[in-house]
């Protein structure tokens, strides 16, 4: 599956999931950190799913050659 198509499916899922996620969390009375993120959840999940669907030696090679498009 092409990364663009995969991303569209994952992004649709993540939009629904992230809207409902805070309702399901247990609150222990502690203040939670909300750190700034570099990638959205859907982007991270797309990279991981794409990596597992391909036959790269490691995630670094997949990210460099498939995601960033660096020529071998």
PDB file of N, CA and C in Angstrom:
ATOM      1  N   UNK A   1       0.852  -1.175   0.000  1.00  0.00           N
ATOM      2  CA  UNK A   1       0.000   0.000   0.000  1.00  0.00           C
ATOM      3  C   UNK A   1       0.897   1.238   0.000  1.00  0.00           C
ATOM      4  N   UNK A   2       0.567   2.192  -0.793  1.00  0.00           N
ATOM      5  CA  UNK A   2       1.334   3.437  -0.891  1.00  0.00           C
ATOM      6  C   UNK A   2       1.161   4.232   0.408  1.00  0.00           C
ATOM      7  N   UNK A   3       2.212   4.910   0.832  1.00  0.00           N
ATOM      8  CA  UNK A   3       2.163   5.642   2.098  1.00  0.00           C
ATOM      9  C   UNK A   3       1.065   6.700   2.127  1.00  0.00           C
ATOM     10  N   UNK A   4       0.773   7.329   0.995  1.00  0.00           N
ATOM     11  CA  UNK A   4      -0.276   8.361   0.965  1.00  0.00           C
ATOM     12  C   UNK A   4      -1.644   7.776   1.302  1.00  0.00           C
ATOM     13  N   UNK A   5      -1.952   6.638   0.700  1.00  0.00           N
ATOM     14  CA  UNK A   5      -3.236   5.987   0.939  1.00  0.00           C
ATOM     15  C   UNK A   5      -3.309   5.475   2.372  1.00  0.00           C
ATOM     16  N   UNK A   6      -2.226   4.869   2.820  1.00  0.00           N
ATOM     17  CA  UNK A   6      -2.167   4.375   4.192  1.00  0.00           C
ATOM     18  C   UNK A   6      -2.357   5.524   5.173  1.00  0.00           C
ATOM     19  N   UNK A   7      -1.695   6.652   4.920  1.00  0.00           N
ATOM     20  CA  UNK A   7      -1.826   7.806   5.813  1.00  0.00           C
ATOM     21  C   UNK A   7      -3.261   8.285   5.905  1.00  0.00           C
ATOM     22  N   UNK A   8      -3.983   8.319   4.799  1.00  0.00           N
ATOM     23  CA  UNK A   8      -5.376   8.771   4.817  1.00  0.00           C
ATOM     24  C   UNK A   8      -6.234   7.894   5.726  1.00  0.00           C
ATOM     25  N   UNK A   9      -6.045   6.580   5.647  1.00  0.00           N
ATOM     26  CA  UNK A   9      -6.802   5.660   6.497  1.00  0.00           C
ATOM     27  C   UNK A   9      -6.420   5.823   7.969  1.00  0.00           C
ATOM     28  N   UNK A  10      -5.140   5.917   8.234  1.00  0.00           N
ATOM     29  CA  UNK A  10      -4.675   6.054   9.613  1.00  0.00           C
ATOM     30  C   UNK A  10      -5.113   7.389  10.190  1.00  0.00           C
ATOM     31  N   UNK A  11      -5.061   8.450   9.405  1.00  0.00           N
ATOM     32  CA  UNK A  11      -5.453   9.772   9.875  1.00  0.00           C
ATOM     33  C   UNK A  11      -6.941   9.817  10.221  1.00  0.00           C
ATOM     34  N   UNK A  12      -7.772   9.187   9.402  1.00  0.00           N
ATOM     35  CA  UNK A  12      -9.202   9.119   9.707  1.00  0.00           C
ATOM     36  C   UNK A  12      -9.438   8.416  11.042  1.00  0.00           C
ATOM     37  N   UNK A  13      -8.734   7.295  11.247  1.00  0.00           N
ATOM     38  CA  UNK A  13      -8.851   6.571  12.506  1.00  0.00           C
ATOM     39  C   UNK A  13      -8.400   7.433  13.684  1.00  0.00           C
ATOM     40  N   UNK A  14      -7.255   8.095  13.541  1.00  0.00           N
ATOM     41  CA  UNK A  14      -6.684   8.874  14.635  1.00  0.00           C
ATOM     42  C   UNK A  14      -7.560  10.070  15.015  1.00  0.00           C
ATOM     43  N   UNK A  15      -8.221  10.669  14.051  1.00  0.00           N
ATOM     44  CA  UNK A  15      -9.094  11.795  14.364  1.00  0.00           C
ATOM     45  C   UNK A  15     -10.243  11.358  15.263  1.00  0.00           C
ATOM     46  N   UNK A  16     -10.829  10.206  14.977  1.00  0.00           N
ATOM     47  CA  UNK A  16     -11.891   9.681  15.837  1.00  0.00           C
ATOM     48  C   UNK A  16     -11.332   9.236  17.182  1.00  0.00           C
ATOM     49  N   UNK A  17     -10.216   8.529  17.155  1.00  0.00           N
ATOM     50  CA  UNK A  17      -9.618   7.985  18.370  1.00  0.00           C
ATOM     51  C   UNK A  17      -9.206   9.090  19.335  1.00  0.00           C
ATOM     52  N   UNK A  18      -8.507  10.093  18.836  1.00  0.00           N
ATOM     53  CA  UNK A  18      -8.010  11.158  19.707  1.00  0.00           C
ATOM     54  C   UNK A  18      -9.131  11.988  20.305  1.00  0.00           C
ATOM     55  N   UNK A  19     -10.275  12.067  19.619  1.00  0.00           N
ATOM     56  CA  UNK A  19     -11.417  12.804  20.163  1.00  0.00           C
ATOM     57  C   UNK A  19     -12.022  12.067  21.359  1.00  0.00           C
ATOM     58  N   UNK A  20     -12.017  10.746  21.329  1.00  0.00           N
ATOM     59  CA  UNK A  20     -12.624   9.940  22.394  1.00  0.00           C
ATOM     60  C   UNK A  20     -11.636   9.542  23.486  1.00  0.00           C
ATOM     61  N   UNK A  21     -10.353   9.608  23.219  1.00  0.00           N
ATOM     62  CA  UNK A  21      -9.320   9.138  24.145  1.00  0.00           C
ATOM     63  C   UNK A  21      -9.365   9.817  25.512  1.00  0.00           C
ATOM     64  N   UNK A  22      -9.465  11.156  25.607  1.00  0.00           N
ATOM     65  CA  UNK A  22      -9.463  11.794  26.940  1.00  0.00           C
ATOM     66  C   UNK A  22     -10.620  11.335  27.833  1.00  0.00           C
ATOM     67  N   UNK A  23     -11.739  10.946  27.241  1.00  0.00           N
ATOM     68  CA  UNK A  23     -12.892  10.495  28.030  1.00  0.00           C
ATOM     69  C   UNK A  23     -12.597   9.170  28.735  1.00  0.00           C
ATOM     70  N   UNK A  24     -11.732   8.350  28.158  1.00  0.00           N
ATOM     71  CA  UNK A  24     -11.456   7.016  28.685  1.00  0.00           C
ATOM     72  C   UNK A  24     -10.293   6.967  29.677  1.00  0.00           C
ATOM     73  N   UNK A  25      -9.521   8.052  29.769  1.00  0.00           N
ATOM     74  CA  UNK A  25      -8.364   8.062  30.657  1.00  0.00           C
ATOM     75  C   UNK A  25      -8.786   8.115  32.120  1.00  0.00           C
ATOM     76  N   UNK A  26      -8.048   7.424  32.955  1.00  0.00           N
ATOM     77  CA  UNK A  26      -8.272   7.475  34.392  1.00  0.00           C
ATOM     78  C   UNK A  26      -7.501   8.657  34.956  1.00  0.00           C
ATOM     79  N   UNK A  27      -8.113   9.397  35.842  1.00  0.00           N
ATOM     80  CA  UNK A  27      -7.472  10.553  36.453  1.00  0.00           C
ATOM     81  C   UNK A  27      -7.050  10.169  37.863  1.00  0.00           C
ATOM     82  N   UNK A  28      -5.767  10.275  38.154  1.00  0.00           N
ATOM     83  CA  UNK A  28      -5.253   9.951  39.474  1.00  0.00           C
ATOM     84  C   UNK A  28      -5.008  11.214  40.296  1.00  0.00           C
ATOM     85  N   UNK A  29      -5.521  12.330  39.861  1.00  0.00           N
ATOM     86  CA  UNK A  29      -5.352  13.577  40.594  1.00  0.00           C
ATOM     87  C   UNK A  29      -4.015  14.243  40.374  1.00  0.00           C
ATOM     88  N   UNK A  30      -3.172  13.652  39.556  1.00  0.00           N
ATOM     89  CA  UNK A  30      -1.867  14.231  39.278  1.00  0.00           C
ATOM     90  C   UNK A  30      -1.933  15.093  38.027  1.00  0.00           C
ATOM     91  N   UNK A  31      -1.131  16.130  38.003  1.00  0.00           N
ATOM     92  CA  UNK A  31      -1.081  16.984  36.833  1.00  0.00           C
ATOM     93  C   UNK A  31      -0.275  16.278  35.747  1.00  0.00           C
ATOM     94  N   UNK A  32      -0.780  16.273  34.540  1.00  0.00           N
ATOM     95  CA  UNK A  32      -0.133  15.608  33.424  1.00  0.00           C
ATOM     96  C   UNK A  32       0.604  16.630  32.552  1.00  0.00           C
ATOM     97  N   UNK A  33       1.757  16.223  32.036  1.00  0.00           N
ATOM     98  CA  UNK A  33       2.483  17.075  31.097  1.00  0.00           C
ATOM     99  C   UNK A  33       1.888  16.920  29.706  1.00  0.00           C
ATOM    100  N   UNK A  34       1.888  17.996  28.982  1.00  0.00           N
ATOM    101  CA  UNK A  34       1.472  17.974  27.579  1.00  0.00           C
ATOM    102  C   UNK A  34       2.600  18.596  26.771  1.00  0.00           C
ATOM    103  N   UNK A  35       3.538  17.746  26.385  1.00  0.00           N
ATOM    104  CA  UNK A  35       4.722  18.216  25.671  1.00  0.00           C
ATOM    105  C   UNK A  35       4.405  18.498  24.211  1.00  0.00           C
ATOM    106  N   UNK A  36       5.158  19.411  23.640  1.00  0.00           N
ATOM    107  CA  UNK A  36       5.018  19.704  22.213  1.00  0.00           C
ATOM    108  C   UNK A  36       5.495  18.496  21.411  1.00  0.00           C
ATOM    109  N   UNK A  37       4.797  18.181  20.341  1.00  0.00           N
ATOM    110  CA  UNK A  37       5.130  17.014  19.525  1.00  0.00           C
ATOM    111  C   UNK A  37       5.713  17.458  18.194  1.00  0.00           C
ATOM    112  N   UNK A  38       6.628  16.661  17.668  1.00  0.00           N
ATOM    113  CA  UNK A  38       7.192  16.940  16.352  1.00  0.00           C
ATOM    114  C   UNK A  38       6.331  16.343  15.256  1.00  0.00           C
ATOM    115  N   UNK A  39       5.753  15.174  15.513  1.00  0.00           N
ATOM    116  CA  UNK A  39       4.905  14.483  14.550  1.00  0.00           C
ATOM    117  C   UNK A  39       3.527  14.233  15.167  1.00  0.00           C
ATOM    118  N   UNK A  40       2.517  14.238  14.337  1.00  0.00           N
ATOM    119  CA  UNK A  40       1.186  13.867  14.795  1.00  0.00           C
ATOM    120  C   UNK A  40       1.139  12.360  15.001  1.00  0.00           C
ATOM    121  N   UNK A  41       0.186  11.899  15.790  1.00  0.00           N
ATOM    122  CA  UNK A  41       0.027  10.472  16.037  1.00  0.00           C
ATOM    123  C   UNK A  41      -0.173   9.717  14.732  1.00  0.00           C
ATOM    124  N   UNK A  42      -0.964  10.259  13.822  1.00  0.00           N
ATOM    125  CA  UNK A  42      -1.228   9.579  12.548  1.00  0.00           C
ATOM    126  C   UNK A  42       0.034   9.448  11.704  1.00  0.00           C
ATOM    127  N   UNK A  43       0.925  10.433  11.762  1.00  0.00           N
ATOM    128  CA  UNK A  43       2.185  10.353  11.020  1.00  0.00           C
ATOM    129  C   UNK A  43       3.091   9.267  11.599  1.00  0.00           C
ATOM    130  N   UNK A  44       3.175   9.211  12.922  1.00  0.00           N
ATOM    131  CA  UNK A  44       3.997   8.198  13.574  1.00  0.00           C
ATOM    132  C   UNK A  44       3.469   6.798  13.285  1.00  0.00           C
ATOM    133  N   UNK A  45       2.162   6.624  13.398  1.00  0.00           N
ATOM    134  CA  UNK A  45       1.561   5.309  13.143  1.00  0.00           C
ATOM    135  C   UNK A  45       1.745   4.889  11.690  1.00  0.00           C
ATOM    136  N   UNK A  46       1.634   5.823  10.753  1.00  0.00           N
ATOM    137  CA  UNK A  46       1.821   5.505   9.337  1.00  0.00           C
ATOM    138  C   UNK A  46       3.244   5.018   9.074  1.00  0.00           C
ATOM    139  N   UNK A  47       4.218   5.685   9.668  1.00  0.00           N
ATOM    140  CA  UNK A  47       5.610   5.269   9.494  1.00  0.00           C
ATOM    141  C   UNK A  47       5.831   3.873  10.057  1.00  0.00           C
ATOM    142  N   UNK A  48       5.282   3.595  11.235  1.00  0.00           N
ATOM    143  CA  UNK A  48       5.470   2.276  11.848  1.00  0.00           C
ATOM    144  C   UNK A  48       4.753   1.175  11.079  1.00  0.00           C
ATOM    145  N   UNK A  49       3.532   1.430  10.635  1.00  0.00           N
ATOM    146  CA  UNK A  49       2.802   0.427   9.848  1.00  0.00           C
ATOM    147  C   UNK A  49       3.511   0.179   8.523  1.00  0.00           C
ATOM    148  N   UNK A  50       3.944   1.251   7.866  1.00  0.00           N
ATOM    149  CA  UNK A  50       4.668   1.117   6.608  1.00  0.00           C
ATOM    150  C   UNK A  50       5.951   0.332   6.773  1.00  0.00           C
ATOM    151  N   UNK A  51       6.645   0.564   7.871  1.00  0.00           N
ATOM    152  CA  UNK A  51       7.884  -0.177   8.142  1.00  0.00           C
ATOM    153  C   UNK A  51       7.609  -1.670   8.276  1.00  0.00           C
ATOM    154  N   UNK A  52       6.564  -2.020   8.998  1.00  0.00           N
ATOM    155  CA  UNK A  52       6.251  -3.432   9.211  1.00  0.00           C
ATOM    156  C   UNK A  52       5.736  -4.113   7.948  1.00  0.00           C
ATOM    157  N   UNK A  53       5.209  -3.340   6.994  1.00  0.00           N
ATOM    158  CA  UNK A  53       4.727  -3.924   5.745  1.00  0.00           C
ATOM    159  C   UNK A  53       5.847  -4.108   4.728  1.00  0.00           C
ATOM    160  N   UNK A  54       6.976  -3.480   4.929  1.00  0.00           N
ATOM    161  CA  UNK A  54       8.102  -3.576   4.002  1.00  0.00           C
ATOM    162  C   UNK A  54       9.187  -4.460   4.582  1.00  0.00           C
ATOM    163  N   UNK A  55      10.203  -4.739   3.784  1.00  0.00           N
ATOM    164  CA  UNK A  55      11.270  -5.640   4.202  1.00  0.00           C
ATOM    165  C   UNK A  55      12.603  -4.907   4.330  1.00  0.00           C
ATOM    166  N   UNK A  56      12.590  -3.842   5.099  1.00  0.00           N
ATOM    167  CA  UNK A  56      13.821  -3.108   5.357  1.00  0.00           C
ATOM    168  C   UNK A  56      14.527  -3.722   6.555  1.00  0.00           C
ATOM    169  N   UNK A  57      15.851  -3.537   6.617  1.00  0.00           N
ATOM    170  CA  UNK A  57      16.637  -4.115   7.702  1.00  0.00           C
ATOM    171  C   UNK A  57      16.277  -3.500   9.052  1.00  0.00           C
ATOM    172  N   UNK A  58      16.066  -2.195   9.056  1.00  0.00           N
ATOM    173  CA  UNK A  58      15.715  -1.522  10.301  1.00  0.00           C
ATOM    174  C   UNK A  58      14.884  -0.280   9.996  1.00  0.00           C
ATOM    175  N   UNK A  59      14.379   0.319  11.040  1.00  0.00           N
ATOM    176  CA  UNK A  59      13.490   1.477  10.867  1.00  0.00           C
ATOM    177  C   UNK A  59      14.235   2.679  10.275  1.00  0.00           C
ATOM    178  N   UNK A  60      15.508   2.824  10.588  1.00  0.00           N
ATOM    179  CA  UNK A  60      16.279   3.942  10.053  1.00  0.00           C
ATOM    180  C   UNK A  60      16.371   3.866   8.531  1.00  0.00           C
ATOM    181  N   UNK A  61      16.664   2.689   7.989  1.00  0.00           N
ATOM    182  CA  UNK A  61      16.728   2.539   6.531  1.00  0.00           C
ATOM    183  C   UNK A  61      15.372   2.820   5.901  1.00  0.00           C
ATOM    184  N   UNK A  62      14.306   2.316   6.505  1.00  0.00           N
ATOM    185  CA  UNK A  62      12.964   2.572   5.977  1.00  0.00           C
ATOM    186  C   UNK A  62      12.675   4.064   5.956  1.00  0.00           C
ATOM    187  N   UNK A  63      12.964   4.757   7.070  1.00  0.00           N
ATOM    188  CA  UNK A  63      12.668   6.180   7.155  1.00  0.00           C
ATOM    189  C   UNK A  63      13.474   6.980   6.132  1.00  0.00           C
ATOM    190  N   UNK A  64      14.741   6.657   5.989  1.00  0.00           N
ATOM    191  CA  UNK A  64      15.587   7.397   5.048  1.00  0.00           C
ATOM    192  C   UNK A  64      15.181   7.160   3.594  1.00  0.00           C
ATOM    193  N   UNK A  65      14.970   5.894   3.230  1.00  0.00           N
ATOM    194  CA  UNK A  65      14.764   5.562   1.822  1.00  0.00           C
ATOM    195  C   UNK A  65      13.308   5.588   1.384  1.00  0.00           C
ATOM    196  N   UNK A  66      12.387   5.232   2.262  1.00  0.00           N
ATOM    197  CA  UNK A  66      10.975   5.193   1.873  1.00  0.00           C
ATOM    198  C   UNK A  66      10.239   6.478   2.227  1.00  0.00           C
ATOM    199  N   UNK A  67      10.454   6.960   3.439  1.00  0.00           N
ATOM    200  CA  UNK A  67       9.717   8.157   3.896  1.00  0.00           C
ATOM    201  C   UNK A  67      10.353   9.431   3.345  1.00  0.00           C
ATOM    202  N   UNK A  68      11.651   9.606   3.558  1.00  0.00           N
ATOM    203  CA  UNK A  68      12.322  10.820   3.089  1.00  0.00           C
ATOM    204  C   UNK A  68      12.684  10.753   1.612  1.00  0.00           C
ATOM    205  N   UNK A  69      12.793   9.556   1.063  1.00  0.00           N
ATOM    206  CA  UNK A  69      13.091   9.403  -0.357  1.00  0.00           C
ATOM    207  C   UNK A  69      14.553   9.617  -0.704  1.00  0.00           C
ATOM    208  N   UNK A  70      15.459   9.345   0.203  1.00  0.00           N
ATOM    209  CA  UNK A  70      16.886   9.447  -0.071  1.00  0.00           C
ATOM    210  C   UNK A  70      17.262   8.354  -1.055  1.00  0.00           C
ATOM    211  N   UNK A  71      18.020   8.703  -2.071  1.00  0.00           N
ATOM    212  CA  UNK A  71      18.416   7.741  -3.091  1.00  0.00           C
ATOM    213  C   UNK A  71      19.494   6.830  -2.516  1.00  0.00           C
ATOM    214  N   UNK A  72      19.392   5.535  -2.783  1.00  0.00           N
ATOM    215  CA  UNK A  72      20.370   4.551  -2.283  1.00  0.00           C
ATOM    216  C   UNK A  72      21.704   4.730  -2.947  1.00  0.00           C
TER     217      UNK A  72
END
